[in-house]
Amino acid sequence: MNTESPKELEKLRDALREATARAERLSGSMDEGQWRKRTVNGGWSPAECLAHLNLTTEQFLPLIREQVRRGRLQGLKRSGHYRKDFLGRMLAWTIEPPVRRLRVKTAPAFIPIAESKADVMTRFKELQAELEAEMKSAEGLDLNKLKVASPFNSRMRYNLFSCFAILSAHQRRHLWQAEQAAGNRAPSRQCVPRPPDYLIVPPLRISLPRQVEWGARRRHLPAHSARRPRFLNHGTCMRGWERARTSNEFPAGTGMATGEPFAVSERE
């Protein structure tokens, strides 16, 4: 039996350990007054950022334990690489620091209360150890098939490996926020990195007659073309435009030669 740790989970466990060390360095660099002090624009203090991470981990741990238990009962063995699903990739990228312009209001259950350094950090290290233990216990299971419903929004479901990755990114986000708050400045939203290629949708420019003129022109179309196609893609639209532009089926002055771009609306 191969007992070697999967490198994907090992990287996430390394990220947890780095987050713990980062939080310890931050808390050790300030006194209680700085620990509880909010930013100039009223943002969370370092104490609130770490307390929020504690609340988040406390909500996720029961869900993770349940899915690990279910995976063992159902015998879901790992059959390949662990991979984030689409929602997991999107969320993990969105919440990575620095903070992007897309911001979501925190649910009431996750709004933190500033507590002392000792209390917050003791609980933070306990939860980090529990989360790392759950990652260790999940080794060998098919984390791609085990689904978790987000405690932030129950309609959002992603696989268990995505859950671990999202929690890791979430910790980096709020540790970055806490470090910004420690300098008593509002978190900067500059230097936003380029999104990954799979999230970039190239703009589609289609030169066709304006949609508002379509109804007036339909009577001029041949019988077999009088009905708009059910599905329009770029090739279909361009071929139709070229036929219409080079033909004499439309009266002058209808704007067919202008080549004005337009967005295809829903079928009539």
C-alpha atoms as a PDB file:
ATOM      1  CA  MET A   1       0.000   0.000   0.000  1.00  0.00           C
ATOM      2  CA  ASN A   2       1.349   3.406  -0.976  1.00  0.00           C
ATOM      3  CA  THR A   3       1.453   5.645   2.101  1.00  0.00           C
ATOM      4  CA  GLU A   4       3.096   8.596   0.390  1.00  0.00           C
ATOM      5  CA  SER A   5       1.151  11.825   0.919  1.00  0.00           C
ATOM      6  CA  PRO A   6      -0.451  13.223  -2.266  1.00  0.00           C
ATOM      7  CA  LYS A   7       1.486  16.311  -3.221  1.00  0.00           C
ATOM      8  CA  GLU A   8      -1.692  18.338  -3.728  1.00  0.00           C
ATOM      9  CA  LEU A   9      -2.773  17.932  -0.103  1.00  0.00           C
ATOM     10  CA  GLU A  10       0.777  18.298   1.155  1.00  0.00           C
ATOM     11  CA  LYS A  11       0.966  21.735  -0.484  1.00  0.00           C
ATOM     12  CA  LEU A  12      -2.264  22.767   1.229  1.00  0.00           C
ATOM     13  CA  ARG A  13      -0.979  21.549   4.592  1.00  0.00           C
ATOM     14  CA  ASP A  14       2.201  23.553   4.031  1.00  0.00           C
ATOM     15  CA  ALA A  15       0.014  26.588   3.343  1.00  0.00           C
ATOM     16  CA  LEU A  16      -1.805  26.027   6.664  1.00  0.00           C
ATOM     17  CA  ARG A  17       1.493  25.898   8.541  1.00  0.00           C
ATOM     18  CA  GLU A  18       2.675  29.059   6.791  1.00  0.00           C
ATOM     19  CA  ALA A  19      -0.592  30.810   7.710  1.00  0.00           C
ATOM     20  CA  THR A  20      -0.121  29.834  11.367  1.00  0.00           C
ATOM     21  CA  ALA A  21       3.457  31.127  11.387  1.00  0.00           C
ATOM     22  CA  ARG A  22       2.361  34.320   9.642  1.00  0.00           C
ATOM     23  CA  ALA A  23      -0.372  34.924  12.244  1.00  0.00           C
ATOM     24  CA  GLU A  24       2.098  34.359  15.076  1.00  0.00           C
ATOM     25  CA  ARG A  25       4.551  36.849  13.587  1.00  0.00           C
ATOM     26  CA  LEU A  26       1.766  39.391  13.192  1.00  0.00           C
ATOM     27  CA  SER A  27       0.416  39.033  16.721  1.00  0.00           C
ATOM     28  CA  GLY A  28       3.903  39.165  18.205  1.00  0.00           C
ATOM     29  CA  SER A  29       4.660  42.458  16.490  1.00  0.00           C
ATOM     30  CA  MET A  30       1.972  44.550  18.239  1.00  0.00           C
ATOM     31  CA  ASP A  31       0.466  45.287  21.611  1.00  0.00           C
ATOM     32  CA  GLU A  32      -3.170  44.875  22.641  1.00  0.00           C
ATOM     33  CA  GLY A  33      -4.080  48.377  21.531  1.00  0.00           C
ATOM     34  CA  GLN A  34      -2.786  47.848  17.999  1.00  0.00           C
ATOM     35  CA  TRP A  35      -4.319  44.363  17.968  1.00  0.00           C
ATOM     36  CA  ARG A  36      -7.836  45.779  18.451  1.00  0.00           C
ATOM     37  CA  LYS A  37      -7.429  48.990  16.463  1.00  0.00           C
ATOM     38  CA  ARG A  38      -9.435  49.324  13.267  1.00  0.00           C
ATOM     39  CA  THR A  39      -8.206  50.878  10.030  1.00  0.00           C
ATOM     40  CA  VAL A  40      -8.633  54.517   9.111  1.00  0.00           C
ATOM     41  CA  ASN A  41     -11.738  53.718   7.059  1.00  0.00           C
ATOM     42  CA  GLY A  42     -13.347  51.591   9.770  1.00  0.00           C
ATOM     43  CA  GLY A  43     -12.199  48.229   8.420  1.00  0.00           C
ATOM     44  CA  TRP A  44     -11.595  45.208  10.599  1.00  0.00           C
ATOM     45  CA  SER A  45      -8.779  45.226  13.131  1.00  0.00           C
ATOM     46  CA  PRO A  46      -6.153  42.443  13.154  1.00  0.00           C
ATOM     47  CA  ALA A  47      -8.058  40.852  16.049  1.00  0.00           C
ATOM     48  CA  GLU A  48     -11.277  40.797  14.015  1.00  0.00           C
ATOM     49  CA  CYS A  49      -9.558  39.369  10.932  1.00  0.00           C
ATOM     50  CA  LEU A  50      -8.158  36.432  12.911  1.00  0.00           C
ATOM     51  CA  ALA A  51     -11.412  35.964  14.825  1.00  0.00           C
ATOM     52  CA  HIS A  52     -13.241  35.784  11.489  1.00  0.00           C
ATOM     53  CA  LEU A  53     -10.898  33.011  10.355  1.00  0.00           C
ATOM     54  CA  ASN A  54     -11.686  31.128  13.559  1.00  0.00           C
ATOM     55  CA  LEU A  55     -15.430  31.443  12.966  1.00  0.00           C
ATOM     56  CA  THR A  56     -15.014  30.240   9.386  1.00  0.00           C
ATOM     57  CA  THR A  57     -12.970  27.162  10.308  1.00  0.00           C
ATOM     58  CA  GLU A  58     -15.420  26.284  13.092  1.00  0.00           C
ATOM     59  CA  GLN A  59     -18.260  26.254  10.553  1.00  0.00           C
ATOM     60  CA  PHE A  60     -16.377  24.247   7.928  1.00  0.00           C
ATOM     61  CA  LEU A  61     -14.870  21.532  10.155  1.00  0.00           C
ATOM     62  CA  PRO A  62     -18.160  19.643  10.829  1.00  0.00           C
ATOM     63  CA  LEU A  63     -18.957  19.669   7.097  1.00  0.00           C
ATOM     64  CA  ILE A  64     -15.503  18.347   6.247  1.00  0.00           C
ATOM     65  CA  ARG A  65     -15.692  15.601   8.893  1.00  0.00           C
ATOM     66  CA  GLU A  66     -19.085  14.496   7.574  1.00  0.00           C
ATOM     67  CA  GLN A  67     -17.820  14.203   3.998  1.00  0.00           C
ATOM     68  CA  VAL A  68     -14.704  12.323   5.061  1.00  0.00           C
ATOM     69  CA  ARG A  69     -16.883   9.896   7.037  1.00  0.00           C
ATOM     70  CA  ARG A  70     -19.230   9.453   4.068  1.00  0.00           C
ATOM     71  CA  GLY A  71     -16.307   8.839   1.724  1.00  0.00           C
ATOM     72  CA  ARG A  72     -14.982   6.074   3.954  1.00  0.00           C
ATOM     73  CA  LEU A  73     -18.402   4.455   4.329  1.00  0.00           C
ATOM     74  CA  GLN A  74     -18.976   4.472   0.573  1.00  0.00           C
ATOM     75  CA  GLY A  75     -15.429   3.341  -0.206  1.00  0.00           C
ATOM     76  CA  LEU A  76     -14.654   6.290  -2.474  1.00  0.00           C
ATOM     77  CA  LYS A  77     -10.992   5.683  -3.203  1.00  0.00           C
ATOM     78  CA  ARG A  78      -8.737   8.153  -4.942  1.00  0.00           C
ATOM     79  CA  SER A  79      -8.391   7.320  -8.630  1.00  0.00           C
ATOM     80  CA  GLY A  80      -6.363  10.253  -9.955  1.00  0.00           C
ATOM     81  CA  HIS A  81      -5.159  13.754  -9.260  1.00  0.00           C
ATOM     82  CA  TYR A  82      -7.147  15.979  -6.961  1.00  0.00           C
ATOM     83  CA  ARG A  83      -8.684  18.834  -8.910  1.00  0.00           C
ATOM     84  CA  LYS A  84     -10.764  21.881  -8.070  1.00  0.00           C
ATOM     85  CA  ASP A  85     -14.098  22.055  -9.863  1.00  0.00           C
ATOM     86  CA  PHE A  86     -15.132  25.200 -11.744  1.00  0.00           C
ATOM     87  CA  LEU A  87     -16.828  26.897  -8.787  1.00  0.00           C
ATOM     88  CA  GLY A  88     -13.902  26.012  -6.555  1.00  0.00           C
ATOM     89  CA  ARG A  89     -11.396  27.480  -9.015  1.00  0.00           C
ATOM     90  CA  MET A  90     -13.437  30.641  -9.403  1.00  0.00           C
ATOM     91  CA  LEU A  91     -13.912  31.191  -5.664  1.00  0.00           C
ATOM     92  CA  ALA A  92     -10.296  30.384  -4.793  1.00  0.00           C
ATOM     93  CA  TRP A  93      -9.058  32.873  -7.397  1.00  0.00           C
ATOM     94  CA  THR A  94     -11.578  35.547  -6.375  1.00  0.00           C
ATOM     95  CA  ILE A  95     -10.685  35.572  -2.690  1.00  0.00           C
ATOM     96  CA  GLU A  96      -6.903  35.489  -3.147  1.00  0.00           C
ATOM     97  CA  PRO A  97      -5.288  38.735  -1.957  1.00  0.00           C
ATOM     98  CA  PRO A  98      -5.080  41.527  -2.786  1.00  0.00           C
ATOM     99  CA  VAL A  99      -8.793  42.206  -2.393  1.00  0.00           C
ATOM    100  CA  ARG A 100     -10.548  42.693  -5.729  1.00  0.00           C
ATOM    101  CA  ARG A 101     -13.371  45.070  -6.447  1.00  0.00           C
ATOM    102  CA  LEU A 102     -15.909  42.251  -6.165  1.00  0.00           C
ATOM    103  CA  ARG A 103     -16.772  42.231  -2.476  1.00  0.00           C
ATOM    104  CA  VAL A 104     -19.417  40.165  -0.693  1.00  0.00           C
ATOM    105  CA  LYS A 105     -21.146  41.235   2.486  1.00  0.00           C
ATOM    106  CA  THR A 106     -20.196  39.033   5.440  1.00  0.00           C
ATOM    107  CA  ALA A 107     -23.010  36.876   6.802  1.00  0.00           C
ATOM    108  CA  PRO A 108     -24.043  37.724  10.377  1.00  0.00           C
ATOM    109  CA  ALA A 109     -22.760  34.385  11.700  1.00  0.00           C
ATOM    110  CA  PHE A 110     -19.246  35.267  10.512  1.00  0.00           C
ATOM    111  CA  ILE A 111     -19.014  38.832  11.811  1.00  0.00           C
ATOM    112  CA  PRO A 112     -16.180  38.730  14.369  1.00  0.00           C
ATOM    113  CA  ILE A 113     -15.752  40.254  17.795  1.00  0.00           C
ATOM    114  CA  ALA A 114     -12.331  41.569  18.764  1.00  0.00           C
ATOM    115  CA  GLU A 115     -10.834  39.532  21.598  1.00  0.00           C
ATOM    116  CA  SER A 116      -7.459  39.437  23.279  1.00  0.00           C
ATOM    117  CA  LYS A 117      -4.391  38.181  21.425  1.00  0.00           C
ATOM    118  CA  ALA A 118      -4.045  35.188  23.715  1.00  0.00           C
ATOM    119  CA  ASP A 119      -7.631  34.021  23.229  1.00  0.00           C
ATOM    120  CA  VAL A 120      -7.722  34.540  19.461  1.00  0.00           C
ATOM    121  CA  MET A 121      -4.322  33.020  18.757  1.00  0.00           C
ATOM    122  CA  THR A 122      -4.850  30.012  21.032  1.00  0.00           C
ATOM    123  CA  ARG A 123      -8.090  29.180  19.269  1.00  0.00           C
ATOM    124  CA  PHE A 124      -6.569  29.879  15.852  1.00  0.00           C
ATOM    125  CA  LYS A 125      -3.725  27.404  16.402  1.00  0.00           C
ATOM    126  CA  GLU A 126      -6.135  24.765  17.754  1.00  0.00           C
ATOM    127  CA  LEU A 127      -8.360  25.054  14.684  1.00  0.00           C
ATOM    128  CA  GLN A 128      -5.399  25.011  12.321  1.00  0.00           C
ATOM    129  CA  ALA A 129      -4.222  21.748  13.890  1.00  0.00           C
ATOM    130  CA  GLU A 130      -7.723  20.242  13.563  1.00  0.00           C
ATOM    131  CA  LEU A 131      -7.995  21.315   9.933  1.00  0.00           C
ATOM    132  CA  GLU A 132      -4.596  19.854   9.115  1.00  0.00           C
ATOM    133  CA  ALA A 133      -5.629  16.600  10.809  1.00  0.00           C
ATOM    134  CA  GLU A 134      -8.759  16.429   8.647  1.00  0.00           C
ATOM    135  CA  MET A 135      -6.660  16.941   5.523  1.00  0.00           C
ATOM    136  CA  LYS A 136      -4.437  14.102   6.673  1.00  0.00           C
ATOM    137  CA  SER A 137      -7.421  11.820   7.306  1.00  0.00           C
ATOM    138  CA  ALA A 138      -8.851  12.615   3.855  1.00  0.00           C
ATOM    139  CA  GLU A 139      -5.816  11.183   2.054  1.00  0.00           C
ATOM    140  CA  GLY A 140      -6.698   8.302  -0.215  1.00  0.00           C
ATOM    141  CA  LEU A 141     -10.324   9.359  -0.642  1.00  0.00           C
ATOM    142  CA  ASP A 142     -11.802  10.657  -3.881  1.00  0.00           C
ATOM    143  CA  LEU A 143     -12.101  14.293  -2.844  1.00  0.00           C
ATOM    144  CA  ASN A 144     -13.296  15.193  -6.344  1.00  0.00           C
ATOM    145  CA  LYS A 145     -16.616  13.385  -5.730  1.00  0.00           C
ATOM    146  CA  LEU A 146     -17.273  14.458  -2.141  1.00  0.00           C
ATOM    147  CA  LYS A 147     -19.287  17.695  -2.157  1.00  0.00           C
ATOM    148  CA  VAL A 148     -19.534  20.401   0.490  1.00  0.00           C
ATOM    149  CA  ALA A 149     -22.251  23.058   0.741  1.00  0.00           C
ATOM    150  CA  SER A 150     -20.758  26.386   1.706  1.00  0.00           C
ATOM    151  CA  PRO A 151     -21.851  27.632   5.148  1.00  0.00           C
ATOM    152  CA  PHE A 152     -21.738  31.148   3.657  1.00  0.00           C
ATOM    153  CA  ASN A 153     -24.314  30.192   1.010  1.00  0.00           C
ATOM    154  CA  SER A 154     -25.897  26.729   0.999  1.00  0.00           C
ATOM    155  CA  ARG A 155     -26.656  26.993  -2.734  1.00  0.00           C
ATOM    156  CA  MET A 156     -22.939  26.949  -3.519  1.00  0.00           C
ATOM    157  CA  ARG A 157     -21.500  23.434  -3.611  1.00  0.00           C
ATOM    158  CA  TYR A 158     -17.973  22.383  -4.514  1.00  0.00           C
ATOM    159  CA  ASN A 159     -15.839  19.314  -4.045  1.00  0.00           C
ATOM    160  CA  LEU A 160     -13.855  18.667  -0.888  1.00  0.00           C
ATOM    161  CA  PHE A 161     -10.491  19.416  -2.470  1.00  0.00           C
ATOM    162  CA  SER A 162     -11.890  22.787  -3.603  1.00  0.00           C
ATOM    163  CA  CYS A 163     -13.056  23.349  -0.026  1.00  0.00           C
ATOM    164  CA  PHE A 164      -9.516  22.896   1.300  1.00  0.00           C
ATOM    165  CA  ALA A 165      -8.127  25.221  -1.378  1.00  0.00           C
ATOM    166  CA  ILE A 166     -10.774  27.878  -0.696  1.00  0.00           C
ATOM    167  CA  LEU A 167     -10.064  27.811   3.037  1.00  0.00           C
ATOM    168  CA  SER A 168      -6.351  28.234   2.347  1.00  0.00           C
ATOM    169  CA  ALA A 169      -6.972  31.204   0.029  1.00  0.00           C
ATOM    170  CA  HIS A 170      -9.440  32.666   2.530  1.00  0.00           C
ATOM    171  CA  GLN A 171      -6.772  32.586   5.245  1.00  0.00           C
ATOM    172  CA  ARG A 172      -4.249  34.331   3.010  1.00  0.00           C
ATOM    173  CA  ARG A 173      -6.833  36.996   2.205  1.00  0.00           C
ATOM    174  CA  HIS A 174      -7.592  37.909   5.814  1.00  0.00           C
ATOM    175  CA  LEU A 175      -4.001  37.606   6.989  1.00  0.00           C
ATOM    176  CA  TRP A 176      -3.131  40.108   4.274  1.00  0.00           C
ATOM    177  CA  GLN A 177      -6.018  42.281   5.482  1.00  0.00           C
ATOM    178  CA  ALA A 178      -4.777  41.998   9.074  1.00  0.00           C
ATOM    179  CA  GLU A 179      -1.278  43.020   8.003  1.00  0.00           C
ATOM    180  CA  GLN A 180      -2.725  46.044   6.228  1.00  0.00           C
ATOM    181  CA  ALA A 181      -4.738  46.902   9.358  1.00  0.00           C
ATOM    182  CA  ALA A 182      -1.617  46.575  11.511  1.00  0.00           C
ATOM    183  CA  GLY A 183      -0.150  49.458   9.499  1.00  0.00           C
ATOM    184  CA  ASN A 184      -3.376  51.414  10.226  1.00  0.00           C
ATOM    185  CA  ARG A 185      -4.211  51.844   6.564  1.00  0.00           C
ATOM    186  CA  ALA A 186      -7.098  50.749   4.389  1.00  0.00           C
ATOM    187  CA  PRO A 187      -6.349  47.642   2.299  1.00  0.00           C
ATOM    188  CA  SER A 188      -5.089  48.640  -1.143  1.00  0.00           C
ATOM    189  CA  ARG A 189      -6.953  47.345  -4.181  1.00  0.00           C
ATOM    190  CA  GLN A 190      -4.228  48.101  -6.663  1.00  0.00           C
ATOM    191  CA  CYS A 191      -2.014  45.610  -8.485  1.00  0.00           C
ATOM    192  CA  VAL A 192      -4.827  43.172  -9.144  1.00  0.00           C
ATOM    193  CA  PRO A 193      -3.281  40.193 -10.955  1.00  0.00           C
ATOM    194  CA  ARG A 194      -4.512  39.086 -14.347  1.00  0.00           C
ATOM    195  CA  PRO A 195      -7.247  36.436 -14.040  1.00  0.00           C
ATOM    196  CA  PRO A 196      -6.467  32.925 -15.269  1.00  0.00           C
ATOM    197  CA  ASP A 197      -7.175  32.172 -18.915  1.00  0.00           C
ATOM    198  CA  TYR A 198     -10.150  29.912 -18.217  1.00  0.00           C
ATOM    199  CA  LEU A 199     -12.003  32.864 -16.653  1.00  0.00           C
ATOM    200  CA  ILE A 200     -11.414  35.203 -19.607  1.00  0.00           C
ATOM    201  CA  VAL A 201     -14.136  35.237 -22.252  1.00  0.00           C
ATOM    202  CA  PRO A 202     -13.026  37.057 -25.422  1.00  0.00           C
ATOM    203  CA  PRO A 203     -15.541  39.620 -26.712  1.00  0.00           C
ATOM    204  CA  LEU A 204     -17.583  38.470 -29.687  1.00  0.00           C
ATOM    205  CA  ARG A 205     -18.026  41.160 -32.349  1.00  0.00           C
ATOM    206  CA  ILE A 206     -20.572  40.332 -35.023  1.00  0.00           C
ATOM    207  CA  SER A 207     -21.312  42.642 -37.948  1.00  0.00           C
ATOM    208  CA  LEU A 208     -24.989  42.194 -38.756  1.00  0.00           C
ATOM    209  CA  PRO A 209     -28.013  44.389 -39.436  1.00  0.00           C
ATOM    210  CA  ARG A 210     -29.383  45.971 -36.309  1.00  0.00           C
ATOM    211  CA  GLN A 211     -31.925  43.771 -34.585  1.00  0.00           C
ATOM    212  CA  VAL A 212     -34.568  46.495 -34.603  1.00  0.00           C
ATOM    213  CA  GLU A 213     -34.572  46.429 -38.408  1.00  0.00           C
ATOM    214  CA  TRP A 214     -34.989  42.665 -38.661  1.00  0.00           C
ATOM    215  CA  GLY A 215     -38.785  42.670 -38.518  1.00  0.00           C
ATOM    216  CA  ALA A 216     -39.008  45.235 -41.314  1.00  0.00           C
ATOM    217  CA  ARG A 217     -36.733  43.134 -43.522  1.00  0.00           C
ATOM    218  CA  ARG A 218     -38.254  39.730 -42.954  1.00  0.00           C
ATOM    219  CA  ARG A 219     -40.834  40.274 -45.685  1.00  0.00           C
ATOM    220  CA  HIS A 220     -37.985  40.695 -48.196  1.00  0.00           C
ATOM    221  CA  LEU A 221     -36.345  37.362 -47.347  1.00  0.00           C
ATOM    222  CA  PRO A 222     -36.894  34.276 -49.493  1.00  0.00           C
ATOM    223  CA  ALA A 223     -39.441  31.802 -48.160  1.00  0.00           C
ATOM    224  CA  HIS A 224     -36.809  29.385 -46.895  1.00  0.00           C
ATOM    225  CA  SER A 225     -35.039  32.212 -44.996  1.00  0.00           C
ATOM    226  CA  ALA A 226     -38.061  33.961 -43.523  1.00  0.00           C
ATOM    227  CA  ARG A 227     -37.556  32.364 -40.136  1.00  0.00           C
ATOM    228  CA  ARG A 228     -34.636  33.273 -37.947  1.00  0.00           C
ATOM    229  CA  PRO A 229     -32.348  30.375 -37.052  1.00  0.00           C
ATOM    230  CA  ARG A 230     -32.970  28.850 -33.641  1.00  0.00           C
ATOM    231  CA  PHE A 231     -29.283  28.998 -32.701  1.00  0.00           C
ATOM    232  CA  LEU A 232     -26.891  31.688 -33.908  1.00  0.00           C
ATOM    233  CA  ASN A 233     -23.157  31.284 -33.653  1.00  0.00           C
ATOM    234  CA  HIS A 234     -20.369  33.396 -35.090  1.00  0.00           C
ATOM    235  CA  GLY A 235     -20.058  31.407 -38.324  1.00  0.00           C
ATOM    236  CA  THR A 236     -23.804  31.369 -39.000  1.00  0.00           C
ATOM    237  CA  CYS A 237     -24.127  35.095 -38.403  1.00  0.00           C
ATOM    238  CA  MET A 238     -21.163  36.017 -40.576  1.00  0.00           C
ATOM    239  CA  ARG A 239     -22.299  33.838 -43.487  1.00  0.00           C
ATOM    240  CA  GLY A 240     -25.804  35.339 -43.277  1.00  0.00           C
ATOM    241  CA  TRP A 241     -24.387  38.833 -43.192  1.00  0.00           C
ATOM    242  CA  GLU A 242     -22.162  38.238 -46.220  1.00  0.00           C
ATOM    243  CA  ARG A 243     -25.090  36.842 -48.235  1.00  0.00           C
ATOM    244  CA  ALA A 244     -27.291  39.775 -47.295  1.00  0.00           C
ATOM    245  CA  ARG A 245     -24.592  42.367 -47.923  1.00  0.00           C
ATOM    246  CA  THR A 246     -23.775  41.101 -51.419  1.00  0.00           C
ATOM    247  CA  SER A 247     -27.380  40.532 -52.531  1.00  0.00           C
ATOM    248  CA  ASN A 248     -30.026  42.963 -53.823  1.00  0.00           C
ATOM    249  CA  GLU A 249     -32.876  41.508 -51.757  1.00  0.00           C
ATOM    250  CA  PHE A 250     -33.121  44.536 -49.489  1.00  0.00           C
ATOM    251  CA  PRO A 251     -34.197  48.015 -50.507  1.00  0.00           C
ATOM    252  CA  ALA A 252     -31.691  50.859 -50.428  1.00  0.00           C
ATOM    253  CA  GLY A 253     -31.411  52.923 -47.299  1.00  0.00           C
ATOM    254  CA  THR A 254     -31.962  50.096 -44.833  1.00  0.00           C
ATOM    255  CA  GLY A 255     -28.474  50.350 -43.345  1.00  0.00           C
ATOM    256  CA  MET A 256     -27.326  46.932 -44.546  1.00  0.00           C
ATOM    257  CA  ALA A 257     -23.985  48.255 -45.774  1.00  0.00           C
ATOM    258  CA  THR A 258     -23.119  50.065 -42.582  1.00  0.00           C
ATOM    259  CA  GLY A 259     -21.867  46.952 -40.817  1.00  0.00           C
ATOM    260  CA  GLU A 260     -23.002  48.233 -37.420  1.00  0.00           C
ATOM    261  CA  PRO A 261     -22.315  45.710 -34.647  1.00  0.00           C
ATOM    262  CA  PHE A 262     -25.251  44.610 -32.544  1.00  0.00           C
ATOM    263  CA  ALA A 263     -26.048  42.051 -29.849  1.00  0.00           C
ATOM    264  CA  VAL A 264     -28.423  39.248 -30.863  1.00  0.00           C
ATOM    265  CA  SER A 265     -31.534  39.421 -28.691  1.00  0.00           C
ATOM    266  CA  GLU A 266     -33.805  36.557 -27.714  1.00  0.00           C
ATOM    267  CA  ARG A 267     -35.995  34.900 -30.298  1.00  0.00           C
ATOM    268  CA  GLU A 268     -39.296  36.570 -31.037  1.00  0.00           C
END
